[in-house]
Amino acid sequence: MRWLLLPLLLLSASCSAIRYDADWDQAFDFSGLHTWAFLAKEPGPSGDPRLDNDLFHERTRDAIRRTLQARGFEGPVATDPQFLVTWQTSVEQRVDVDYVQRHYGYANYHWGGWTSVDQEVRVRDVGNLLIDVLVPGEKRLVWRGTASADLVHSATPEERVARISEAVQGILANFPPPKE
C-alpha cells in the first residue's frame, strides 16, 4: 500500500516549500512557439515504484496540459508541433545533521550545572520534477524547468493532484523565458 503514496514533491497540500529553477538556450527564439505535443506517452522509469505508476503519470500529464493551455499554448497537437514537452522524476535521500547544545542546572554557566551537545540526524526524501522543452526533429533541449521539495508520505488524492498542479504551474511560470 505504501507504494501508492505518490510522494514526489507532490504529496502534501503545502507542507514543504517547493524550490524552482530554470535554464534555457539563450540563443533560441521562443517567440514563435505556439503549438506543442508530448515527446512520448510517459517518461522512462525513475527506478522508484512510488513514481512509476499510471496515477502519477496521468496527473502530471494533465497538469502540464492544463498549465500550457492556460498560458495560451495550443496542444497537445497531433501533427507539426513547434515544441515537444517531456518530464523526468527522481527521488534522492538527503541527510541533515544538527548539533544542539543543551544546558542543565543553574542559569549561570560559569558555576554549577552542565552542558551537553546532542546530535540530531534527519533523513529525508527529496523529490525532483524536471520538465523539458525540445525542438522537434532534432529533439534538442532548449529549456528545462525544475522543482524540488521534501516528500510527504500521506495525502489524499485531491492533495496529490493539487501538489502536482502547484509544482507544474511553478515550473512553467518560467516558460517561455523572459526576453533579455
Protein backbone atom coordinates (compact mmCIF):
# COMPACT_ATOMS: atom_id res chain seq x y z
CA MET A 1 0.00 0.00 0.00
CA ARG A 2 2.87 2.36 0.77
CA TRP A 3 3.98 2.40 -2.87
CA LEU A 4 0.66 4.02 -3.75
CA LEU A 5 1.64 7.10 -1.79
CA LEU A 6 3.00 9.10 -4.72
CA PRO A 7 5.50 11.06 -2.81
CA LEU A 8 7.47 13.19 -5.21
CA LEU A 9 7.21 16.80 -4.25
CA LEU A 10 3.63 16.32 -4.88
CA LEU A 11 2.21 14.57 -1.90
CA SER A 12 1.15 17.19 0.54
CA ALA A 13 -1.20 20.13 0.37
CA SER A 14 1.63 22.53 1.12
CA CYS A 15 3.69 21.20 3.98
CA SER A 16 7.04 21.91 2.37
CA ALA A 17 8.23 24.68 0.14
CA ILE A 18 8.88 23.89 -3.48
CA ARG A 19 12.12 25.25 -4.91
CA TYR A 20 12.12 26.16 -8.61
CA ASP A 21 14.83 26.71 -11.17
CA ALA A 22 15.02 27.11 -14.95
CA ASP A 23 17.73 27.04 -17.59
CA TRP A 24 17.49 27.65 -21.33
CA ASP A 25 19.36 28.15 -24.58
CA GLN A 26 19.81 31.92 -24.71
CA ALA A 27 20.28 31.87 -28.49
CA PHE A 28 16.93 30.14 -29.11
CA ASP A 29 13.97 32.31 -30.19
CA PHE A 30 10.99 31.27 -28.07
CA SER A 31 8.65 33.90 -29.53
CA GLY A 32 7.45 31.66 -32.38
CA LEU A 33 6.27 28.82 -30.15
CA HIS A 34 2.52 28.31 -30.11
CA THR A 35 1.77 24.60 -30.58
CA TRP A 36 3.16 21.66 -28.67
CA ALA A 37 2.97 17.90 -28.16
CA PHE A 38 4.28 15.42 -25.65
CA LEU A 39 7.53 13.75 -26.67
CA ALA A 40 6.24 10.36 -25.56
CA LYS A 41 3.30 8.99 -23.60
CA GLU A 42 5.36 8.87 -20.43
CA PRO A 43 9.00 9.24 -19.43
CA GLY A 44 11.27 6.29 -18.76
CA PRO A 45 11.19 4.67 -15.35
CA SER A 46 12.71 6.59 -12.47
CA GLY A 47 13.60 3.41 -10.62
CA ASP A 48 11.28 4.39 -7.78
CA PRO A 49 7.98 2.46 -7.71
CA ARG A 50 6.32 5.38 -5.91
CA LEU A 51 6.69 7.41 -9.12
CA ASP A 52 6.48 4.77 -11.81
CA ASN A 53 2.74 4.26 -11.97
CA ASP A 54 -0.23 5.32 -14.07
CA LEU A 55 -1.80 7.58 -11.42
CA PHE A 56 1.28 9.76 -11.08
CA HIS A 57 1.95 9.89 -14.83
CA GLU A 58 -1.62 10.83 -15.74
CA ARG A 59 -1.78 13.54 -13.06
CA THR A 60 1.49 15.01 -14.30
CA ARG A 61 0.37 14.92 -17.96
CA ASP A 62 -2.94 16.58 -17.05
CA ALA A 63 -1.20 19.30 -15.04
CA ILE A 64 1.21 20.06 -17.89
CA ARG A 65 -1.65 20.10 -20.42
CA ARG A 66 -3.83 22.41 -18.30
CA THR A 67 -0.97 24.76 -17.45
CA LEU A 68 0.28 25.16 -21.02
CA GLN A 69 -3.28 25.72 -22.29
CA ALA A 70 -3.86 28.33 -19.58
CA ARG A 71 -0.66 30.06 -20.71
CA GLY A 72 -2.04 30.29 -24.27
CA PHE A 73 -0.26 27.37 -25.95
CA GLU A 74 -2.26 25.08 -28.23
CA GLY A 75 -1.85 21.38 -27.68
CA PRO A 76 -1.13 18.72 -27.49
CA VAL A 77 -1.41 18.72 -31.29
CA ALA A 78 -1.17 15.56 -33.41
CA THR A 79 0.95 16.97 -36.23
CA ASP A 80 3.72 19.54 -36.65
CA PRO A 81 4.14 20.82 -33.06
CA GLN A 82 6.50 23.75 -32.65
CA PHE A 83 7.92 22.27 -29.45
CA LEU A 84 7.89 18.98 -27.57
CA VAL A 85 7.41 18.53 -23.84
CA THR A 86 8.56 15.69 -21.62
CA TRP A 87 9.36 15.26 -17.97
CA GLN A 88 11.54 13.24 -15.64
CA THR A 89 11.34 12.44 -11.96
CA SER A 90 13.78 11.35 -9.31
CA VAL A 91 13.98 10.92 -5.58
CA GLU A 92 17.14 11.42 -3.59
CA GLN A 93 17.82 10.96 0.09
CA ARG A 94 19.37 13.83 1.99
CA VAL A 95 20.81 13.66 5.48
CA ASP A 96 20.69 16.70 7.75
CA VAL A 97 22.83 16.76 10.89
CA ASP A 98 22.17 19.39 13.55
CA TYR A 99 24.10 19.89 16.76
CA VAL A 100 22.09 21.12 19.70
CA GLN A 101 23.78 22.44 22.82
CA ARG A 102 21.75 21.95 25.96
CA HIS A 103 22.43 23.46 29.38
CA TYR A 104 21.23 21.84 32.56
CA GLY A 105 21.32 23.17 36.09
CA TYR A 106 21.92 26.76 37.11
CA ALA A 107 21.34 29.64 34.74
CA ASN A 108 24.90 30.90 35.21
CA TYR A 109 27.08 28.64 33.04
CA HIS A 110 30.29 29.53 34.89
CA TRP A 111 29.36 27.61 38.01
CA GLY A 112 27.01 24.74 38.56
CA GLY A 113 25.09 22.78 36.00
CA TRP A 114 26.46 21.04 32.92
CA THR A 115 26.32 21.23 29.16
CA SER A 116 25.77 18.54 26.60
CA VAL A 117 25.91 18.61 22.83
CA ASP A 118 23.42 16.35 21.14
CA GLN A 119 23.44 15.35 17.53
CA GLU A 120 20.13 15.20 15.68
CA VAL A 121 20.12 13.34 12.37
CA ARG A 122 17.21 13.59 9.97
CA VAL A 123 16.98 11.60 6.75
CA ARG A 124 14.54 12.97 4.21
CA ASP A 125 13.45 12.14 0.70
CA VAL A 126 13.63 15.00 -1.79
CA GLY A 127 11.58 14.68 -4.95
CA ASN A 128 12.58 16.34 -8.20
CA LEU A 129 10.41 17.05 -11.21
CA LEU A 130 12.06 18.26 -14.42
CA ILE A 131 10.06 19.49 -17.40
CA ASP A 132 11.96 19.71 -20.68
CA VAL A 133 11.12 21.59 -23.87
CA LEU A 134 12.73 20.24 -27.02
CA VAL A 135 12.92 21.24 -30.67
CA PRO A 136 11.03 18.73 -32.88
CA GLY A 137 13.13 16.80 -35.37
CA GLU A 138 16.41 17.47 -33.57
CA LYS A 139 14.93 16.68 -30.15
CA ARG A 140 17.39 19.23 -28.82
CA LEU A 141 16.81 20.57 -25.32
CA VAL A 142 16.16 24.33 -25.37
CA TRP A 143 14.52 24.84 -21.95
CA ARG A 144 14.42 22.96 -18.64
CA GLY A 145 12.46 23.83 -15.54
CA THR A 146 12.82 22.03 -12.23
CA ALA A 147 11.03 21.76 -8.93
CA SER A 148 12.35 20.12 -5.76
CA ALA A 149 10.72 19.59 -2.39
CA ASP A 150 10.72 17.28 0.58
CA LEU A 151 8.36 14.38 0.12
CA VAL A 152 5.42 13.97 2.40
CA HIS A 153 4.14 10.43 2.69
CA SER A 154 0.50 10.97 3.49
CA ALA A 155 -2.02 12.87 1.44
CA THR A 156 -5.42 12.44 -0.09
CA PRO A 157 -5.74 12.02 -3.86
CA GLU A 158 -7.05 15.59 -4.04
CA GLU A 159 -3.98 16.88 -2.19
CA ARG A 160 -1.71 14.93 -4.54
CA VAL A 161 -3.41 16.43 -7.61
CA ALA A 162 -3.12 19.90 -6.08
CA ARG A 163 0.57 19.44 -5.25
CA ILE A 164 1.38 18.18 -8.76
CA SER A 165 -0.51 21.15 -10.25
CA GLU A 166 1.32 23.57 -7.95
CA ALA A 167 4.71 22.15 -8.97
CA VAL A 168 3.93 22.15 -12.70
CA GLN A 169 2.50 25.69 -12.61
CA GLY A 170 5.55 26.90 -10.70
CA ILE A 171 7.92 25.31 -13.17
CA LEU A 172 6.07 26.56 -16.27
CA ALA A 173 5.72 30.07 -14.83
CA ASN A 174 9.30 30.47 -16.14
CA PHE A 175 8.38 29.35 -19.67
CA PRO A 176 8.99 30.88 -22.08
CA PRO A 177 11.95 32.65 -20.50
CA PRO A 178 11.95 36.43 -20.34
CA LYS A 179 13.46 38.27 -23.30
CA GLU A 180 16.75 39.85 -22.44
